[in-house]
N, C-alpha and C. Protein backbone atom coordinates (compact mmCIF):
# COMPACT_ATOMS: atom_id res chain seq x y z
N UNK A 1 60.36 -8.45 14.44
CA UNK A 1 59.92 -9.63 13.75
C UNK A 1 61.07 -10.56 13.62
N UNK A 2 60.89 -11.64 13.94
CA UNK A 2 62.06 -12.72 13.70
C UNK A 2 61.87 -13.50 12.35
N UNK A 3 63.06 -13.52 11.67
CA UNK A 3 62.93 -14.09 10.29
C UNK A 3 63.20 -15.66 10.53
N UNK A 4 62.30 -16.48 9.92
CA UNK A 4 62.39 -17.88 9.96
C UNK A 4 63.42 -18.34 8.84
N UNK A 5 64.53 -19.01 9.30
CA UNK A 5 65.52 -19.59 8.34
C UNK A 5 65.54 -21.03 8.40
N UNK A 6 65.75 -21.67 7.16
CA UNK A 6 65.89 -22.95 7.12
C UNK A 6 67.44 -23.37 7.39
N UNK A 7 67.49 -24.14 8.38
CA UNK A 7 68.93 -24.48 8.86
C UNK A 7 69.76 -25.09 7.90
N UNK A 8 69.24 -26.21 7.14
CA UNK A 8 69.97 -26.87 6.06
C UNK A 8 70.35 -25.86 4.96
N UNK A 9 69.46 -24.99 4.62
CA UNK A 9 69.77 -23.96 3.44
C UNK A 9 70.87 -23.10 4.08
N UNK A 10 70.81 -22.70 5.14
CA UNK A 10 71.81 -21.77 5.72
C UNK A 10 73.26 -22.55 5.87
N UNK A 11 73.21 -23.68 6.22
CA UNK A 11 74.51 -24.50 6.21
C UNK A 11 75.11 -24.56 4.86
N UNK A 12 74.19 -24.98 3.94
CA UNK A 12 74.79 -25.05 2.52
C UNK A 12 75.19 -23.75 1.98
N UNK A 13 74.49 -22.64 2.22
CA UNK A 13 74.90 -21.42 1.80
C UNK A 13 76.29 -21.02 2.55
N UNK A 14 76.31 -21.35 3.72
CA UNK A 14 77.67 -20.97 4.36
C UNK A 14 78.89 -21.70 3.81
N UNK A 15 78.66 -22.94 3.43
CA UNK A 15 79.71 -23.68 2.85
C UNK A 15 79.92 -23.11 1.44
N UNK A 16 79.06 -22.97 0.71
CA UNK A 16 79.23 -22.59 -0.90
C UNK A 16 79.76 -21.12 -0.90
N UNK A 17 79.55 -20.37 0.04
CA UNK A 17 80.00 -19.01 0.11
C UNK A 17 81.26 -18.83 0.90
N UNK A 18 81.84 -19.99 1.38
CA UNK A 18 83.16 -20.05 1.95
C UNK A 18 83.09 -19.29 3.41
N UNK A 19 81.91 -19.29 3.99
CA UNK A 19 81.59 -18.85 5.26
C UNK A 19 81.19 -17.39 5.24
N UNK A 20 81.00 -16.73 4.22
CA UNK A 20 80.50 -15.31 4.19
C UNK A 20 78.90 -15.23 4.72
N UNK A 21 78.26 -16.36 4.13
CA UNK A 21 76.70 -16.40 4.57
C UNK A 21 76.81 -16.78 6.13
N UNK A 22 77.74 -17.37 6.58
CA UNK A 22 77.92 -17.77 7.99
C UNK A 22 77.95 -16.42 8.96
N UNK A 23 78.50 -15.45 8.42
CA UNK A 23 78.77 -14.14 9.07
C UNK A 23 77.38 -13.44 9.20
N UNK A 24 76.77 -13.48 7.92
CA UNK A 24 75.27 -12.81 7.72
C UNK A 24 74.40 -13.48 8.69
N UNK A 25 74.43 -14.83 8.80
CA UNK A 25 73.64 -15.66 9.58
C UNK A 25 73.83 -15.45 11.02
N UNK A 26 75.04 -15.22 11.35
CA UNK A 26 75.47 -14.93 12.88
C UNK A 26 74.87 -13.39 13.24
N UNK A 27 75.09 -12.63 12.31
CA UNK A 27 74.60 -11.30 12.67
C UNK A 27 73.01 -11.11 12.71
N UNK A 28 72.41 -11.85 11.79
CA UNK A 28 70.99 -12.08 11.89
C UNK A 28 70.32 -12.58 13.03
N UNK A 29 71.05 -13.83 13.41
CA UNK A 29 70.55 -14.41 14.65
C UNK A 29 70.73 -13.40 16.00
N UNK A 30 71.79 -12.85 16.01
CA UNK A 30 72.07 -11.88 17.14
C UNK A 30 71.08 -10.77 17.27
N UNK A 31 70.76 -10.33 16.07
CA UNK A 31 69.70 -9.25 15.98
C UNK A 31 68.34 -9.73 16.33
N UNK A 32 68.02 -10.95 15.82
CA UNK A 32 66.76 -11.45 16.10
C UNK A 32 66.64 -11.82 17.85
N UNK A 33 67.60 -12.34 18.30
CA UNK A 33 67.68 -12.59 19.72
C UNK A 33 67.44 -11.26 20.55
N UNK A 34 68.33 -10.22 20.10
CA UNK A 34 68.14 -8.86 20.72
C UNK A 34 66.79 -8.31 20.73
N UNK A 35 66.11 -8.46 19.49
CA UNK A 35 64.79 -8.09 19.32
C UNK A 35 63.72 -8.81 20.23
N UNK A 36 63.88 -10.00 20.37
CA UNK A 36 63.09 -10.91 21.17
C UNK A 36 63.25 -10.52 22.66
N UNK A 37 64.50 -10.10 23.05
CA UNK A 37 64.75 -9.84 24.41
C UNK A 37 64.81 -8.40 24.81
N UNK A 38 64.29 -7.45 23.74
CA UNK A 38 64.26 -6.18 24.03
C UNK A 38 65.60 -5.55 24.54
N UNK A 39 66.61 -5.93 23.91
CA UNK A 39 67.96 -5.51 24.32
C UNK A 39 68.54 -4.59 23.25
N UNK A 40 68.66 -3.40 23.52
CA UNK A 40 69.00 -2.51 22.57
C UNK A 40 70.60 -2.44 22.40
N UNK A 41 71.27 -2.88 23.39
CA UNK A 41 72.70 -2.93 23.29
C UNK A 41 73.26 -4.20 22.48
N UNK A 42 72.46 -5.16 22.33
CA UNK A 42 72.98 -6.29 21.70
C UNK A 42 72.79 -6.11 20.22
N UNK A 43 73.98 -6.02 19.45
CA UNK A 43 73.89 -5.82 18.07
C UNK A 43 74.78 -6.91 17.25
N UNK A 44 74.19 -7.44 16.09
CA UNK A 44 74.79 -8.42 15.51
C UNK A 44 76.15 -7.94 14.77
N UNK A 45 76.16 -6.72 14.24
CA UNK A 45 77.41 -6.15 13.78
C UNK A 45 78.58 -6.10 14.72
N UNK A 46 78.03 -5.62 15.82
CA UNK A 46 79.06 -5.23 17.05
C UNK A 46 79.75 -6.78 17.32
N UNK A 47 78.90 -7.79 17.38
CA UNK A 47 79.39 -9.23 17.75
C UNK A 47 80.31 -9.68 16.72
N UNK A 48 79.95 -9.31 15.46
CA UNK A 48 80.90 -9.90 14.41
C UNK A 48 82.26 -9.06 14.55
N UNK A 49 82.19 -7.81 14.75
CA UNK A 49 83.49 -6.96 14.76
C UNK A 49 84.24 -7.38 16.02
N UNK A 50 83.55 -7.60 17.04
CA UNK A 50 84.51 -8.05 18.22
C UNK A 50 85.07 -9.25 18.10
N UNK A 51 84.43 -10.33 17.40
CA UNK A 51 84.98 -11.45 17.02
C UNK A 51 86.14 -11.26 16.12
N UNK A 52 86.00 -10.42 15.18
CA UNK A 52 86.97 -10.18 14.16
C UNK A 52 88.31 -9.50 14.89
N UNK A 53 88.06 -8.50 15.76
CA UNK A 53 89.18 -7.88 16.42
C UNK A 53 89.91 -8.74 17.36
N UNK A 54 89.08 -9.62 17.99
CA UNK A 54 89.74 -10.45 19.08
C UNK A 54 90.31 -11.86 18.41
N UNK A 55 90.19 -11.94 17.11
CA UNK A 55 90.72 -13.08 16.39
C UNK A 55 89.92 -14.43 16.98
N UNK A 56 88.65 -14.21 17.17
CA UNK A 56 87.75 -15.21 17.38
C UNK A 56 87.41 -15.55 18.79
N UNK A 57 88.15 -14.98 19.86
CA UNK A 57 87.99 -15.19 21.34
C UNK A 57 86.60 -14.70 21.69
N UNK A 58 86.16 -13.58 21.19
CA UNK A 58 84.78 -13.11 21.49
C UNK A 58 83.73 -14.15 21.10
N UNK A 59 83.95 -14.95 20.10
CA UNK A 59 82.82 -15.97 19.80
C UNK A 59 82.50 -16.84 20.93
N UNK A 60 83.38 -17.12 21.75
CA UNK A 60 83.16 -18.02 22.85
C UNK A 60 82.19 -17.25 23.74
N UNK A 61 82.39 -15.92 24.06
CA UNK A 61 81.50 -15.22 24.92
C UNK A 61 80.10 -15.01 24.12
N UNK A 62 80.08 -14.88 22.91
CA UNK A 62 79.08 -14.67 22.05
C UNK A 62 77.99 -16.00 22.18
N UNK A 63 78.72 -17.07 22.09
CA UNK A 63 77.92 -18.40 22.17
C UNK A 63 77.39 -18.53 23.65
N UNK A 64 78.08 -18.27 24.57
CA UNK A 64 77.52 -18.37 26.03
C UNK A 64 76.49 -17.37 26.14
N UNK A 65 76.58 -16.19 25.75
CA UNK A 65 75.52 -15.13 25.91
C UNK A 65 74.20 -15.43 25.10
N UNK A 66 74.48 -16.07 23.99
CA UNK A 66 73.23 -16.46 23.12
C UNK A 66 72.56 -17.53 23.82
N UNK A 67 73.17 -18.42 24.53
CA UNK A 67 72.58 -19.53 25.31
C UNK A 67 71.70 -18.91 26.37
N UNK A 68 72.28 -17.93 27.15
CA UNK A 68 71.63 -17.24 28.26
C UNK A 68 70.30 -16.49 27.67
N UNK A 69 70.60 -15.80 26.66
CA UNK A 69 69.60 -14.92 26.02
C UNK A 69 68.45 -15.74 25.49
N UNK A 70 68.57 -16.89 24.84
CA UNK A 70 67.59 -17.77 24.25
C UNK A 70 66.85 -18.37 25.58
N UNK A 71 67.36 -18.62 26.60
CA UNK A 71 66.76 -19.13 27.82
C UNK A 71 65.87 -18.04 28.39
N UNK A 72 66.41 -16.76 28.59
CA UNK A 72 65.57 -15.58 28.95
C UNK A 72 64.34 -15.48 28.17
N UNK A 73 64.51 -15.39 26.78
CA UNK A 73 63.54 -15.23 25.83
C UNK A 73 62.30 -16.31 26.17
N UNK A 74 62.87 -17.55 26.11
CA UNK A 74 61.87 -18.59 26.35
C UNK A 74 60.92 -18.34 27.65
N UNK A 75 61.71 -18.05 28.62
CA UNK A 75 60.95 -17.80 29.97
C UNK A 75 59.94 -16.46 29.84
N UNK A 76 60.44 -15.54 29.10
CA UNK A 76 59.57 -14.31 28.84
C UNK A 76 58.32 -14.70 28.13
N UNK A 77 58.47 -15.55 27.06
CA UNK A 77 57.46 -15.68 26.12
C UNK A 77 56.70 -17.09 26.28
N UNK A 78 57.17 -17.79 27.54
CA UNK A 78 56.36 -19.01 27.85
C UNK A 78 56.67 -20.22 26.90
N UNK A 79 57.88 -20.18 26.29
CA UNK A 79 58.30 -21.38 25.47
C UNK A 79 59.44 -22.16 26.18
N UNK A 80 59.32 -23.36 26.29
CA UNK A 80 60.30 -24.09 26.90
C UNK A 80 61.63 -24.21 26.09
N UNK A 81 62.65 -23.39 26.42
CA UNK A 81 64.11 -23.42 25.91
C UNK A 81 65.10 -23.62 27.00
N UNK A 82 65.78 -24.72 26.84
CA UNK A 82 66.76 -24.96 27.95
C UNK A 82 68.01 -24.06 28.00
N UNK A 83 68.56 -23.74 29.01
CA UNK A 83 69.65 -22.93 29.07
C UNK A 83 71.03 -23.77 28.60
N UNK A 84 71.28 -23.56 27.24
CA UNK A 84 72.32 -24.37 26.64
C UNK A 84 73.70 -23.58 26.59
N UNK A 85 73.82 -22.46 27.48
CA UNK A 85 75.04 -21.63 27.40
C UNK A 85 76.35 -22.41 27.52
N UNK A 86 76.35 -23.37 28.48
CA UNK A 86 77.67 -24.09 28.61
C UNK A 86 77.83 -25.00 27.46
N UNK A 87 76.87 -25.56 26.95
CA UNK A 87 76.85 -26.50 25.69
C UNK A 87 77.38 -25.71 24.52
N UNK A 88 77.03 -24.50 24.42
CA UNK A 88 77.45 -23.68 23.26
C UNK A 88 78.80 -23.27 23.37
N UNK A 89 79.21 -22.94 24.75
CA UNK A 89 80.60 -22.49 24.99
C UNK A 89 81.61 -23.68 24.64
N UNK A 90 81.23 -24.88 25.06
CA UNK A 90 81.91 -26.13 24.77
C UNK A 90 82.10 -26.27 23.30
N UNK A 91 80.98 -26.43 22.68
CA UNK A 91 81.03 -26.56 21.24
C UNK A 91 81.94 -25.64 20.52
N UNK A 92 81.88 -24.28 20.94
CA UNK A 92 82.75 -23.31 20.26
C UNK A 92 84.21 -23.60 20.47
N UNK A 93 84.49 -24.09 21.73
CA UNK A 93 85.91 -24.37 22.06
C UNK A 93 86.54 -25.45 21.25
N UNK A 94 85.51 -26.29 20.95
CA UNK A 94 86.01 -27.58 20.04
C UNK A 94 85.75 -27.17 18.40
N UNK A 95 85.55 -26.04 18.11
CA UNK A 95 85.58 -25.70 16.83
C UNK A 95 84.11 -26.10 16.16
N UNK A 96 83.18 -26.36 16.91
CA UNK A 96 81.88 -26.67 16.33
C UNK A 96 80.78 -25.41 16.33
N UNK A 97 81.18 -24.35 16.03
CA UNK A 97 80.29 -23.25 16.02
C UNK A 97 79.10 -23.25 15.19
N UNK A 98 79.28 -24.03 13.97
CA UNK A 98 78.18 -24.20 13.06
C UNK A 98 77.06 -24.97 13.73
N UNK A 99 77.36 -25.94 14.57
CA UNK A 99 76.36 -26.62 15.39
C UNK A 99 75.53 -25.64 16.45
N UNK A 100 76.26 -24.65 16.97
CA UNK A 100 75.69 -23.58 17.76
C UNK A 100 74.75 -23.01 16.94
N UNK A 101 75.13 -22.48 15.58
CA UNK A 101 74.28 -21.78 14.79
C UNK A 101 72.93 -22.50 14.40
N UNK A 102 73.12 -23.76 14.31
CA UNK A 102 71.93 -24.58 14.06
C UNK A 102 71.07 -24.70 15.23
N UNK A 103 71.65 -24.94 16.48
CA UNK A 103 70.61 -25.00 17.57
C UNK A 103 70.06 -23.67 18.06
N UNK A 104 70.86 -22.52 17.72
CA UNK A 104 70.25 -21.30 18.13
C UNK A 104 69.05 -20.96 17.18
N UNK A 105 69.47 -21.15 15.87
CA UNK A 105 68.46 -20.76 14.89
C UNK A 105 67.18 -21.75 14.92
N UNK A 106 67.24 -22.94 15.37
CA UNK A 106 66.11 -23.83 15.64
C UNK A 106 65.35 -23.17 16.80
N UNK A 107 66.05 -22.71 17.82
CA UNK A 107 65.23 -22.03 18.91
C UNK A 107 64.56 -20.76 18.56
N UNK A 108 65.39 -19.86 17.70
CA UNK A 108 64.75 -18.71 17.21
C UNK A 108 63.56 -19.00 16.14
N UNK A 109 63.57 -20.05 15.41
CA UNK A 109 62.49 -20.33 14.64
C UNK A 109 61.16 -20.52 15.35
N UNK A 110 61.21 -20.95 16.68
CA UNK A 110 59.84 -20.96 17.48
C UNK A 110 59.31 -19.81 17.64
N UNK A 111 59.90 -18.64 17.37
CA UNK A 111 59.22 -17.30 17.60
C UNK A 111 58.97 -16.54 16.35
N UNK A 112 59.43 -17.35 15.23
CA UNK A 112 59.19 -16.64 13.83
C UNK A 112 57.70 -16.58 13.57
N UNK A 113 57.54 -15.45 12.92
CA UNK A 113 56.22 -15.40 12.35
C UNK A 113 55.98 -15.93 11.10
N UNK A 114 54.86 -16.95 10.99
CA UNK A 114 54.64 -17.69 10.03
C UNK A 114 54.42 -16.77 8.66
N UNK A 115 54.92 -17.39 7.45
CA UNK A 115 54.75 -16.56 6.20
C UNK A 115 53.33 -16.96 5.68
N UNK A 116 52.54 -16.08 5.29
CA UNK A 116 51.13 -16.19 4.71
C UNK A 116 51.17 -16.44 3.38
N UNK A 117 50.66 -17.29 2.64
CA UNK A 117 50.79 -17.48 1.27
C UNK A 117 49.41 -17.25 0.67
């Protein structure tokens, strides 16, 4: 099950917590994408640890991979999602990873189960 997250709230929480929520957000998005793509090897904690160990270099690969993964998920589920892997890579190189988070979360929210009230 994919958790729907409000992008604006996630950005505000990331700023208020000095980036700690951004880490939680990245891990959650990675796990949600892996769940949708039935990829048991893709784990959010691993992505964070590799990014930490490589001093951020792995985040470029992560951004590219998430673009490819979201495109594959869209094709499997019949939802129109563009292959934004190059865009995500370029945004990461220029230090705009938060924009990647917003775009990826927006795509993930298309697969979120609506909350019943």
